[in-house]
Structures are given as C-alpha cells and as structure tokens.
C-alpha atoms as a PDB file:
ATOM      1  CA  MET A   1     181.304  52.521 112.283  1.00  0.00           C
ATOM      2  CA  VAL A   2     178.681  50.064 111.070  1.00  0.00           C
ATOM      3  CA  SER A   3     178.464  46.565 113.112  1.00  0.00           C
ATOM      4  CA  SER A   4     177.216  43.904 111.786  1.00  0.00           C
ATOM      5  CA  SER A   5     174.939  43.885 115.200  1.00  0.00           C
ATOM      6  CA  HIS A   6     173.831  46.673 113.531  1.00  0.00           C
ATOM      7  CA  GLU A   7     173.514  44.945 110.154  1.00  0.00           C
ATOM      8  CA  ALA A   8     171.228  42.279 110.659  1.00  0.00           C
ATOM      9  CA  LEU A   9     168.210  43.965 112.843  1.00  0.00           C
ATOM     10  CA  HIS A  10     167.551  45.673 109.747  1.00  0.00           C
ATOM     11  CA  ARG A  11     168.637  42.680 107.526  1.00  0.00           C
ATOM     12  CA  ILE A  12     166.071  40.824 109.244  1.00  0.00           C
ATOM     13  CA  PHE A  13     163.355  42.771 107.185  1.00  0.00           C
ATOM     14  CA  GLN A  14     164.982  42.748 103.913  1.00  0.00           C
ATOM     15  CA  GLU A  15     165.167  38.896 103.947  1.00  0.00           C
ATOM     16  CA  VAL A  16     161.068  38.988 105.633  1.00  0.00           C
ATOM     17  CA  PRO A  17     159.447  41.724 103.927  1.00  0.00           C
ATOM     18  CA  GLY A  18     156.471  40.082 106.529  1.00  0.00           C
ATOM     19  CA  LEU A  19     158.160  40.392 109.746  1.00  0.00           C
ATOM     20  CA  PHE A  20     157.627  43.777 109.888  1.00  0.00           C
ATOM     21  CA  ALA A  21     153.357  43.629 110.443  1.00  0.00           C
ATOM     22  CA  ARG A  22     154.074  40.374 112.778  1.00  0.00           C
ATOM     23  CA  VAL A  23     156.199  42.772 115.197  1.00  0.00           C
ATOM     24  CA  ALA A  24     154.176  45.998 114.549  1.00  0.00           C
ATOM     25  CA  ARG A  25     151.072  44.619 116.471  1.00  0.00           C
ATOM     26  CA  ASN A  26     153.560  44.339 119.877  1.00  0.00           C
ATOM     27  CA  LEU A  27     153.416  48.315 119.147  1.00  0.00           C
ATOM     28  CA  GLY A  28     149.645  49.018 118.730  1.00  0.00           C
ATOM     29  CA  ALA A  29     149.862  49.412 114.961  1.00  0.00           C
ATOM     30  CA  ALA A  30     148.492  46.977 112.987  1.00  0.00           C
ATOM     31  CA  PHE A  31     149.852  46.795 109.228  1.00  0.00           C
ATOM     32  CA  PRO A  32     147.945  44.339 107.009  1.00  0.00           C
ATOM     33  CA  PRO A  33     150.306  41.010 105.827  1.00  0.00           C
ATOM     34  CA  PRO A  34     152.086  42.502 102.009  1.00  0.00           C
ATOM     35  CA  VAL A  35     150.986  40.935  99.457  1.00  0.00           C
ATOM     36  CA  SER A  36     154.093  41.395  98.362  1.00  0.00           C
ATOM     37  CA  SER A  37     157.798  44.364  98.874  1.00  0.00           C
ATOM     38  CA  VAL A  38     159.786  45.904  96.594  1.00  0.00           C
ATOM     39  CA  GLU A  39     163.595  46.911  98.041  1.00  0.00           C
ATOM     40  CA  LEU A  40     164.064  50.125  97.325  1.00  0.00           C
ATOM     41  CA  SER A  41     167.615  52.095  96.609  1.00  0.00           C
ATOM     42  CA  THR A  42     168.814  53.308 100.718  1.00  0.00           C
ATOM     43  CA  ASP A  43     169.955  56.204  99.023  1.00  0.00           C
ATOM     44  CA  LEU A  44     168.532  59.628  99.813  1.00  0.00           C
ATOM     45  CA  THR A  45     171.950  61.698  98.826  1.00  0.00           C
ATOM     46  CA  GLU A  46     170.339  65.276  97.010  1.00  0.00           C
ATOM     47  CA  THR A  47     172.653  66.494  94.015  1.00  0.00           C
ATOM     48  CA  ARG A  48     174.652  68.095  97.126  1.00  0.00           C
ATOM     49  CA  PRO A  49     178.074  66.448  98.217  1.00  0.00           C
ATOM     50  CA  LEU A  50     175.571  65.440 101.567  1.00  0.00           C
ATOM     51  CA  GLU A  51     175.385  61.448 101.944  1.00  0.00           C
ATOM     52  CA  ARG A  52     172.106  60.347 104.141  1.00  0.00           C
ATOM     53  CA  ARG A  53     171.436  56.537 104.158  1.00  0.00           C
ATOM     54  CA  VAL A  54     168.236  55.231 105.833  1.00  0.00           C
ATOM     55  CA  ASP A  55     169.425  51.249 106.802  1.00  0.00           C
ATOM     56  CA  THR A  56     166.688  49.735 104.817  1.00  0.00           C
ATOM     57  CA  LEU A  57     163.880  51.094 102.450  1.00  0.00           C
ATOM     58  CA  LEU A  58     161.058  49.120 101.410  1.00  0.00           C
ATOM     59  CA  LYS A  59     158.240  49.460  99.222  1.00  0.00           C
ATOM     60  CA  MET A  60     155.452  47.095 100.892  1.00  0.00           C
ATOM     61  CA  GLU A  61     152.622  46.632  98.996  1.00  0.00           C
ATOM     62  CA  THR A  62     149.390  45.372 100.415  1.00  0.00           C
ATOM     63  CA  GLU A  63     145.268  44.363  99.688  1.00  0.00           C
ATOM     64  CA  ASP A  64     145.046  47.852 101.929  1.00  0.00           C
ATOM     65  CA  GLY A  65     147.240  50.231  99.718  1.00  0.00           C
ATOM     66  CA  SER A  66     151.752  50.543  99.614  1.00  0.00           C
ATOM     67  CA  PHE A  67     153.704  51.913 101.561  1.00  0.00           C
ATOM     68  CA  LEU A  68     157.580  52.665 102.281  1.00  0.00           C
ATOM     69  CA  LEU A  69     159.288  51.168 105.495  1.00  0.00           C
ATOM     70  CA  ALA A  70     161.587  52.599 106.634  1.00  0.00           C
ATOM     71  CA  VAL A  71     164.733  50.448 109.264  1.00  0.00           C
ATOM     72  CA  GLU A  72     166.872  51.925 111.756  1.00  0.00           C
ATOM     73  CA  SER A  73     169.204  49.707 113.805  1.00  0.00           C
ATOM     74  CA  GLN A  74     169.812  52.628 116.763  1.00  0.00           C
ATOM     75  CA  SER A  75     171.927  50.913 119.936  1.00  0.00           C
ATOM     76  CA  LYS A  76     172.786  54.200 121.047  1.00  0.00           C
ATOM     77  CA  PRO A  77     171.145  57.179 121.610  1.00  0.00           C
ATOM     78  CA  GLU A  78     172.368  60.689 119.296  1.00  0.00           C
ATOM     79  CA  PRO A  79     170.491  63.844 119.429  1.00  0.00           C
ATOM     80  CA  ARG A  80     171.145  64.513 115.713  1.00  0.00           C
ATOM     81  CA  LYS A  81     169.339  61.214 114.350  1.00  0.00           C
ATOM     82  CA  PRO A  82     165.729  62.377 114.776  1.00  0.00           C
ATOM     83  CA  ALA A  83     166.420  65.114 112.427  1.00  0.00           C
ATOM     84  CA  SER A  84     168.162  63.041 110.108  1.00  0.00           C
ATOM     85  CA  TRP A  85     165.034  60.409 110.917  1.00  0.00           C
ATOM     86  CA  ALA A  86     162.961  63.054 109.728  1.00  0.00           C
ATOM     87  CA  TYR A  87     164.319  63.769 106.749  1.00  0.00           C
ATOM     88  CA  TYR A  88     164.652  60.591 105.790  1.00  0.00           C
ATOM     89  CA  LEU A  89     160.533  60.164 105.423  1.00  0.00           C
ATOM     90  CA  SER A  90     160.368  63.486 103.665  1.00  0.00           C
ATOM     91  CA  TYR A  91     162.584  63.044 101.210  1.00  0.00           C
ATOM     92  CA  ALA A  92     161.347  58.835 100.716  1.00  0.00           C
ATOM     93  CA  TYR A  93     157.794  60.480 100.108  1.00  0.00           C
ATOM     94  CA  ALA A  94     159.246  63.352  98.187  1.00  0.00           C
ATOM     95  CA  LYS A  95     160.477  61.358  95.662  1.00  0.00           C
ATOM     96  CA  TYR A  96     158.292  57.733  96.140  1.00  0.00           C
ATOM     97  CA  GLY A  97     154.857  60.403  96.676  1.00  0.00           C
ATOM     98  CA  ILE A  98     153.975  57.268  98.734  1.00  0.00           C
ATOM     99  CA  PRO A  99     153.164  56.975 102.791  1.00  0.00           C
ATOM    100  CA  PRO A 100     155.960  56.351 104.753  1.00  0.00           C
ATOM    101  CA  VAL A 101     156.874  54.731 107.959  1.00  0.00           C
ATOM    102  CA  LEU A 102     159.616  54.375 110.198  1.00  0.00           C
ATOM    103  CA  LEU A 103     160.401  51.811 112.713  1.00  0.00           C
ATOM    104  CA  VAL A 104     163.367  51.921 114.516  1.00  0.00           C
ATOM    105  CA  VAL A 105     165.147  48.570 116.545  1.00  0.00           C
ATOM    106  CA  CYS A 106     166.927  49.006 119.445  1.00  0.00           C
ATOM    107  CA  PRO A 107     168.687  46.342 121.351  1.00  0.00           C
ATOM    108  CA  ASP A 108     168.654  48.369 124.920  1.00  0.00           C
ATOM    109  CA  ARG A 109     165.971  48.830 126.231  1.00  0.00           C
ATOM    110  CA  GLY A 110     167.483  52.695 127.117  1.00  0.00           C
ATOM    111  CA  THR A 111     167.549  53.523 123.582  1.00  0.00           C
ATOM    112  CA  ALA A 112     164.324  52.196 122.679  1.00  0.00           C
ATOM    113  CA  ALA A 113     162.775  54.772 125.627  1.00  0.00           C
ATOM    114  CA  TRP A 114     164.712  56.901 124.055  1.00  0.00           C
ATOM    115  CA  ALA A 115     163.171  56.480 120.353  1.00  0.00           C
ATOM    116  CA  ALA A 116     160.253  56.359 121.120  1.00  0.00           C
ATOM    117  CA  ARG A 117     159.360  59.776 122.321  1.00  0.00           C
ATOM    118  CA  GLN A 118     157.662  61.907 119.714  1.00  0.00           C
ATOM    119  CA  PHE A 119     160.100  64.597 118.471  1.00  0.00           C
ATOM    120  CA  ASP A 120     158.865  67.478 117.389  1.00  0.00           C
ATOM    121  CA  ILE A 121     161.191  69.994 115.111  1.00  0.00           C
ATOM    122  CA  GLY A 122     160.464  73.679 115.010  1.00  0.00           C
ATOM    123  CA  PRO A 123     159.843  76.727 117.241  1.00  0.00           C
ATOM    124  CA  ARG A 124     158.109  75.796 121.101  1.00  0.00           C
ATOM    125  CA  GLN A 125     154.879  78.119 120.112  1.00  0.00           C
ATOM    126  CA  TRP A 126     153.950  76.015 116.767  1.00  0.00           C
ATOM    127  CA  PRO A 127     156.281  72.550 115.746  1.00  0.00           C
ATOM    128  CA  SER A 128     155.423  72.847 112.240  1.00  0.00           C
ATOM    129  CA  LEU A 129     156.730  68.445 112.489  1.00  0.00           C
ATOM    130  CA  SER A 130     156.311  66.147 114.908  1.00  0.00           C
ATOM    131  CA  LEU A 131     158.147  63.107 114.050  1.00  0.00           C
ATOM    132  CA  ARG A 132     156.855  59.352 115.592  1.00  0.00           C
ATOM    133  CA  PRO A 133     158.754  56.501 114.695  1.00  0.00           C
ATOM    134  CA  LEU A 134     157.882  52.956 115.928  1.00  0.00           C
ATOM    135  CA  VAL A 135     160.358  51.960 117.840  1.00  0.00           C
ATOM    136  CA  LEU A 136     161.091  47.725 118.955  1.00  0.00           C
ATOM    137  CA  GLY A 137     163.405  46.581 122.154  1.00  0.00           C
ATOM    138  CA  PRO A 138     163.385  43.688 123.875  1.00  0.00           C
ATOM    139  CA  ASP A 139     160.649  44.703 125.397  1.00  0.00           C
ATOM    140  CA  ASP A 140     158.341  44.574 122.221  1.00  0.00           C
ATOM    141  CA  VAL A 141     159.727  40.998 121.280  1.00  0.00           C
ATOM    142  CA  PRO A 142     158.087  38.031 123.018  1.00  0.00           C
ATOM    143  CA  VAL A 143     161.108  35.153 124.902  1.00  0.00           C
ATOM    144  CA  ILE A 144     160.913  32.935 122.442  1.00  0.00           C
ATOM    145  CA  ASP A 145     162.369  30.019 124.421  1.00  0.00           C
ATOM    146  CA  SER A 146     160.153  27.140 123.206  1.00  0.00           C
ATOM    147  CA  PRO A 147     161.689  24.608 120.074  1.00  0.00           C
ATOM    148  CA  ASP A 148     158.073  24.467 118.750  1.00  0.00           C
ATOM    149  CA  GLU A 149     157.325  27.928 118.994  1.00  0.00           C
ATOM    150  CA  ALA A 150     160.786  29.083 117.197  1.00  0.00           C
ATOM    151  CA  ALA A 151     159.921  26.558 114.566  1.00  0.00           C
ATOM    152  CA  ARG A 152     156.252  28.211 113.931  1.00  0.00           C
ATOM    153  CA  ASP A 153     158.406  31.759 113.418  1.00  0.00           C
ATOM    154  CA  ILE A 154     161.980  31.483 113.035  1.00  0.00           C
ATOM    155  CA  PRO A 155     162.425  34.837 111.611  1.00  0.00           C
ATOM    156  CA  LEU A 156     161.022  36.448 114.608  1.00  0.00           C
ATOM    157  CA  THR A 157     163.019  33.956 116.886  1.00  0.00           C
ATOM    158  CA  VAL A 158     166.203  35.059 115.292  1.00  0.00           C
ATOM    159  CA  LEU A 159     165.065  38.856 115.903  1.00  0.00           C
ATOM    160  CA  SER A 160     164.288  37.214 119.726  1.00  0.00           C
ATOM    161  CA  ALA A 161     167.770  35.936 120.196  1.00  0.00           C
ATOM    162  CA  ALA A 162     168.813  39.159 118.525  1.00  0.00           C
ATOM    163  CA  LEU A 163     167.466  41.828 120.826  1.00  0.00           C
ATOM    164  CA  HIS A 164     167.722  39.743 123.972  1.00  0.00           C
ATOM    165  CA  SER A 165     171.303  39.220 123.540  1.00  0.00           C
ATOM    166  CA  ARG A 166     171.894  40.538 127.164  1.00  0.00           C
ATOM    167  CA  ASP A 167     168.705  39.111 128.941  1.00  0.00           C
ATOM    168  CA  PRO A 168     169.412  35.917 130.613  1.00  0.00           C
ATOM    169  CA  GLU A 169     166.935  34.520 128.130  1.00  0.00           C
ATOM    170  CA  ALA A 170     169.224  34.622 126.003  1.00  0.00           C
ATOM    171  CA  ASP A 171     170.678  31.107 126.471  1.00  0.00           C
ATOM    172  CA  ALA A 172     167.405  29.316 126.064  1.00  0.00           C
ATOM    173  CA  ILE A 173     166.000  30.744 122.822  1.00  0.00           C
ATOM    174  CA  LEU A 174     169.015  29.815 121.203  1.00  0.00           C
ATOM    175  CA  ALA A 175     168.795  26.952 122.254  1.00  0.00           C
ATOM    176  CA  ALA A 176     164.909  26.511 120.715  1.00  0.00           C
ATOM    177  CA  LEU A 177     165.835  28.464 117.580  1.00  0.00           C
ATOM    178  CA  ALA A 178     169.071  25.497 117.430  1.00  0.00           C
ATOM    179  CA  LYS A 179     166.307  22.767 117.709  1.00  0.00           C
ATOM    180  CA  ALA A 180     164.005  23.942 115.188  1.00  0.00           C
ATOM    181  CA  LEU A 181     166.398  24.913 112.837  1.00  0.00           C
ATOM    182  CA  LYS A 182     167.643  21.473 112.986  1.00  0.00           C
ATOM    183  CA  GLY A 183     163.990  20.273 112.588  1.00  0.00           C
ATOM    184  CA  LEU A 184     163.942  22.061 108.815  1.00  0.00           C
ATOM    185  CA  SER A 185     164.473  19.907 105.727  1.00  0.00           C
ATOM    186  CA  ALA A 186     167.409  19.291 104.064  1.00  0.00           C
ATOM    187  CA  ASP A 187     165.455  21.121 100.906  1.00  0.00           C
ATOM    188  CA  ASP A 188     166.142  24.613 103.351  1.00  0.00           C
ATOM    189  CA  GLU A 189     169.553  24.206 104.544  1.00  0.00           C
ATOM    190  CA  ASN A 190     170.265  27.100 102.495  1.00  0.00           C
ATOM    191  CA  THR A 191     167.792  28.681 104.470  1.00  0.00           C
ATOM    192  CA  ALA A 192     168.864  27.584 107.668  1.00  0.00           C
ATOM    193  CA  VAL A 193     172.391  29.228 106.587  1.00  0.00           C
ATOM    194  CA  PHE A 194     171.179  32.348 106.508  1.00  0.00           C
ATOM    195  CA  PHE A 195     169.482  32.235 109.015  1.00  0.00           C
ATOM    196  CA  ILE A 196     172.447  30.810 111.251  1.00  0.00           C
ATOM    197  CA  GLU A 197     174.749  33.755 109.784  1.00  0.00           C
ATOM    198  CA  LEU A 198     172.104  36.460 110.507  1.00  0.00           C
ATOM    199  CA  THR A 199     171.880  35.479 114.267  1.00  0.00           C
ATOM    200  CA  GLU A 200     175.524  35.514 114.850  1.00  0.00           C
ATOM    201  CA  GLN A 201     175.273  38.871 113.753  1.00  0.00           C
ATOM    202  CA  GLY A 202     172.686  39.768 115.604  1.00  0.00           C
ATOM    203  CA  LEU A 203     174.046  38.570 119.211  1.00  0.00           C
ATOM    204  CA  GLY A 204     177.515  40.450 118.560  1.00  0.00           C
ATOM    205  CA  LYS A 205     180.307  40.573 121.420  1.00  0.00           C
ATOM    206  CA  THR A 206     178.180  39.005 123.744  1.00  0.00           C
ATOM    207  CA  PRO A 207     178.422  35.960 125.629  1.00  0.00           C
ATOM    208  CA  ALA A 208     175.459  34.552 123.756  1.00  0.00           C
ATOM    209  CA  ALA A 209     176.853  34.819 120.712  1.00  0.00           C
ATOM    210  CA  ASP A 210     180.363  32.550 122.026  1.00  0.00           C
ATOM    211  CA  LEU A 211     176.928  29.822 123.286  1.00  0.00           C
ATOM    212  CA  TRP A 212     175.954  30.459 119.035  1.00  0.00           C
ATOM    213  CA  ARG A 213     179.248  29.061 117.968  1.00  0.00           C
ATOM    214  CA  HIS A 214     179.172  26.491 119.939  1.00  0.00           C
ATOM    215  CA  LEU A 215     175.713  25.553 118.664  1.00  0.00           C
ATOM    216  CA  MET A 216     177.213  25.682 114.649  1.00  0.00           C
ATOM    217  CA  ALA A 217     179.182  22.980 115.729  1.00  0.00           C
ATOM    218  CA  VAL A 218     177.812  20.359 117.889  1.00  0.00           C
ATOM    219  CA  ASP A 219     173.281  20.867 116.950  1.00  0.00           C
ATOM    220  CA  LEU A 220     174.294  21.907 113.947  1.00  0.00           C
ATOM    221  CA  SER A 221     176.465  19.861 112.395  1.00  0.00           C
ATOM    222  CA  PHE A 222     174.022  17.856 110.625  1.00  0.00           C
ATOM    223  CA  PHE A 223     174.202  20.166 107.672  1.00  0.00           C
ATOM    224  CA  GLN A 224     176.909  19.118 105.440  1.00  0.00           C
ATOM    225  CA  SER A 225     176.571  21.005 101.910  1.00  0.00           C
ATOM    226  CA  GLN A 226     179.920  23.568 101.517  1.00  0.00           C
ATOM    227  CA  THR A 227     178.591  26.701 102.743  1.00  0.00           C
ATOM    228  CA  ALA A 228     177.575  25.045 105.929  1.00  0.00           C
ATOM    229  CA  GLN A 229     180.989  23.373 106.256  1.00  0.00           C
ATOM    230  CA  GLN A 230     182.484  26.893 105.658  1.00  0.00           C
ATOM    231  CA  LEU A 231     180.689  28.725 108.111  1.00  0.00           C
ATOM    232  CA  ARG A 232     181.739  26.174 110.930  1.00  0.00           C
ATOM    233  CA  ALA A 233     184.915  26.272 109.732  1.00  0.00           C
ATOM    234  CA  GLU A 234     184.999  30.313 110.159  1.00  0.00           C
ATOM    235  CA  GLY A 235     183.154  29.624 113.426  1.00  0.00           C
ATOM    236  CA  ARG A 236     185.978  26.904 114.053  1.00  0.00           C
ATOM    237  CA  ALA A 237     188.700  29.810 113.223  1.00  0.00           C
ATOM    238  CA  LYS A 238     188.033  32.010 115.370  1.00  0.00           C
ATOM    239  CA  ASP A 239     187.479  30.050 118.614  1.00  0.00           C
ATOM    240  CA  LEU A 240     191.291  28.848 118.176  1.00  0.00           C
ATOM    241  CA  LEU A 241     192.717  32.740 117.026  1.00  0.00           C
ATOM    242  CA  VAL A 242     190.775  33.748 120.451  1.00  0.00           C
ATOM    243  CA  LEU A 243     192.312  30.782 122.049  1.00  0.00           C
ATOM    244  CA  LEU A 244     195.664  31.013 121.226  1.00  0.00           C
ATOM    245  CA  GLY A 245     195.070  34.669 122.264  1.00  0.00           C
ATOM    246  CA  HIS A 246     194.581  33.566 126.270  1.00  0.00           C
ATOM    247  CA  ARG A 247     197.130  30.907 126.123  1.00  0.00           C
ATOM    248  CA  GLY A 248     199.932  33.784 125.408  1.00  0.00           C
ATOM    249  CA  VAL A 249     200.711  31.550 122.150  1.00  0.00           C
ATOM    250  CA  ASP A 250     202.060  33.529 119.911  1.00  0.00           C
ATOM    251  CA  VAL A 251     200.747  33.696 116.146  1.00  0.00           C
ATOM    252  CA  SER A 252     202.381  35.686 113.082  1.00  0.00           C
ATOM    253  CA  ASP A 253     200.781  37.129 110.749  1.00  0.00           C
ATOM    254  CA  ARG A 254     201.763  33.692 108.428  1.00  0.00           C
ATOM    255  CA  ASP A 255     199.763  31.877 110.788  1.00  0.00           C
ATOM    256  CA  ARG A 256     196.494  33.428 111.602  1.00  0.00           C
ATOM    257  CA  GLU A 257     196.744  33.506 107.855  1.00  0.00           C
ATOM    258  CA  ARG A 258     197.062  29.818 107.468  1.00  0.00           C
ATOM    259  CA  ILE A 259     194.235  29.156 110.333  1.00  0.00           C
ATOM    260  CA  VAL A 260     191.076  31.173 109.346  1.00  0.00           C
ATOM    261  CA  GLY A 261     192.322  29.842 105.238  1.00  0.00           C
ATOM    262  CA  CYS A 262     191.319  26.970 106.881  1.00  0.00           C
ATOM    263  CA  GLY A 263     188.555  25.690 105.479  1.00  0.00           C
ATOM    264  CA  ASP A 264     188.867  21.968 107.252  1.00  0.00           C
ATOM    265  CA  PRO A 265     186.496  22.159 109.933  1.00  0.00           C
ATOM    266  CA  ASP A 266     188.376  18.772 110.840  1.00  0.00           C
ATOM    267  CA  LEU A 267     191.579  20.266 110.259  1.00  0.00           C
ATOM    268  CA  LEU A 268     190.682  22.993 112.330  1.00  0.00           C
ATOM    269  CA  GLY A 269     189.088  20.650 115.344  1.00  0.00           C
ATOM    270  CA  LEU A 270     192.810  18.726 115.971  1.00  0.00           C
ATOM    271  CA  TRP A 271     194.004  21.927 115.626  1.00  0.00           C
ATOM    272  CA  PHE A 272     192.292  23.638 118.599  1.00  0.00           C
ATOM    273  CA  SER A 273     192.336  20.164 120.948  1.00  0.00           C
ATOM    274  CA  LYS A 274     196.389  20.991 120.368  1.00  0.00           C
ATOM    275  CA  ALA A 275     196.003  24.380 120.866  1.00  0.00           C
ATOM    276  CA  LEU A 276     194.479  23.535 124.875  1.00  0.00           C
ATOM    277  CA  THR A 277     197.766  22.607 125.347  1.00  0.00           C
ATOM    278  CA  ALA A 278     200.651  23.727 122.499  1.00  0.00           C
ATOM    279  CA  LYS A 279     203.900  25.696 123.560  1.00  0.00           C
ATOM    280  CA  SER A 280     203.642  27.033 120.113  1.00  0.00           C
ATOM    281  CA  THR A 281     202.183  27.075 116.777  1.00  0.00           C
ATOM    282  CA  ALA A 282     204.635  24.810 115.229  1.00  0.00           C
ATOM    283  CA  GLU A 283     203.858  21.863 117.399  1.00  0.00           C
ATOM    284  CA  ILE A 284     199.633  22.429 116.608  1.00  0.00           C
ATOM    285  CA  PHE A 285     200.888  22.397 113.072  1.00  0.00           C
ATOM    286  CA  ALA A 286     202.432  19.805 113.643  1.00  0.00           C
ATOM    287  CA  PRO A 287     201.721  15.789 111.621  1.00  0.00           C
ATOM    288  CA  ASP A 288     199.130  14.108 113.616  1.00  0.00           C
ATOM    289  CA  GLU A 289     200.672  10.510 114.199  1.00  0.00           C
ATOM    290  CA  GLN A 290     197.255   9.180 113.686  1.00  0.00           C
ATOM    291  CA  THR A 291     195.825  10.621 111.375  1.00  0.00           C
ATOM    292  CA  GLY A 292     198.011  11.945 109.162  1.00  0.00           C
ATOM    293  CA  LEU A 293     196.260  15.176 109.356  1.00  0.00           C
ATOM    294  CA  ALA A 294     198.377  18.264 108.759  1.00  0.00           C
ATOM    295  CA  ASP A 295     198.304  21.708 106.068  1.00  0.00           C
END
C-alpha cells in the first residue's frame, strides 16, 4: 500500500519542478532549471494485463532541450525494483522519444546506499543494460534550520524535513519552516496550506509529525481561510482520538464520526481539554456551562 510519506516524496516534484535542478547539483549532476514542465501520465502499462506505474513522470523543457524526469519514492530495498525502473525508462523513451532520467528519493540512508549502485542487467560476460539512477537521500539534502534560509526556498525545506524526519535535526527544521510559512503574505495562504499538508504527509508516522501538528495549531493559527480552518480541525480531531486511545476511553463508531466530522477547531479544542480528565465521551460532549459550546 502506498503511504502518504511515499506520496509526498515524489509529489513535491510535480508541484515544484524546478526543485529537481536544485537538488541534482548536490548529486553531481548539472541540469538547467526548467523553462516549463508538463506532467505526463504515470501509466506505463502495455496492452497485456500487467500494470506498471511510475510514481511521477514529468516532461521538462530547458534551454538545453527536453528530458523526461521519472521520480520514484523508495522506502526500503526491493531486489525486483531495478528491473521495473529499467522498464519504466525504456518504455517512456520508446513512447515519447525523449531522454529519460530516473530520480529515486529515499528517506532511509541504507535504502539510498542500495539504490545508488549501478544495476547491470544481462549476463556478467556482457550486460546489455546498465541502470544509473540519481538517488536523493538524507545526506544529499542540507539541514535547513534557519528561518531566513527556509524562507528563501520553502519547497527545499519541506524536502529537508521529510528526508531528515528521523534525525535529531528534524525539530529545528520544522521550527524554521513554520516561521518561514508564517512570513508569507495573505495572498500566499493557499500556497502555505499546500506545503503544510505536504510536510505532514512527508513526515509519516514519526515523532516529528506530532511536533508539526502542534506547530500547526499554535504557530500557524493566523491562517483564517476555510481551508486552513479545516486543516487545523483535522489535526485536532486526530490528536483528540489519540488522547482518548491512550486514556482508555471507549469511543464508539458514532463518537468517532462526530469527532472526525467536526470542522470547528474551537469546539475540538474544548473537547480535547475535557478529554484530559473525562471518563467517557458523554462527559466530553456535554455542553460547557461557560461557553455554551456543545454540538
């Protein structure tokens, strides 16, 4: 099953194609920044009932010409994967007639080391194909822990947070990113909300994700749009359910639907405060005498 962190590590290149040229320099490959890019179908399936899909496939237009960028997010070594990657590149080249490049993004250092090898396909006497992916791992993206530096390149900072999510520097990166997002103008609110959501996806199920949700509720509470309110409500609903689970409070399907379906961050905050001591969801949902907040 594809995880949300898997999704974030290749989706960011769909949304910010120019990020590839910036990170490729750290890998020793000089690509000019794209003048334009076109997202292509990721379906590389033939007429046979064998489905093959690359994570992201972009047609990049530069001053030096065009190339295809295939981005794969890889969380662990898979012996059969190099054959699939070779297939993706060969099929895309045959289909579009444009030189392809494979970028493999790995949040794990061991997986990055595995993917960075040259994979020869064919008998040892004469391999007919050699696969040389560009591999982006934690050691290939800088730790961006300065708010000023984060503000200069927010997409790269999001990628830095995702690839360093299990490192000690993760907290500092997220704090810098939160301040950089807070510095965006009101006109950029939709952009900020997009990167907030993408960052949470990229962090996956790590302690850093818990910190990020806290920063969302506190440092980024200045966002007032309906989208931002909904995002904060979703985060608070998740935190409330986690708290109830830790305290052993029974939550029925109906209660869960009520919590998840609540779009009012203030009401969810009130429920969370009650959940710290409540012994049942009935206590949590009871009308508050001071505020009158209930359903």
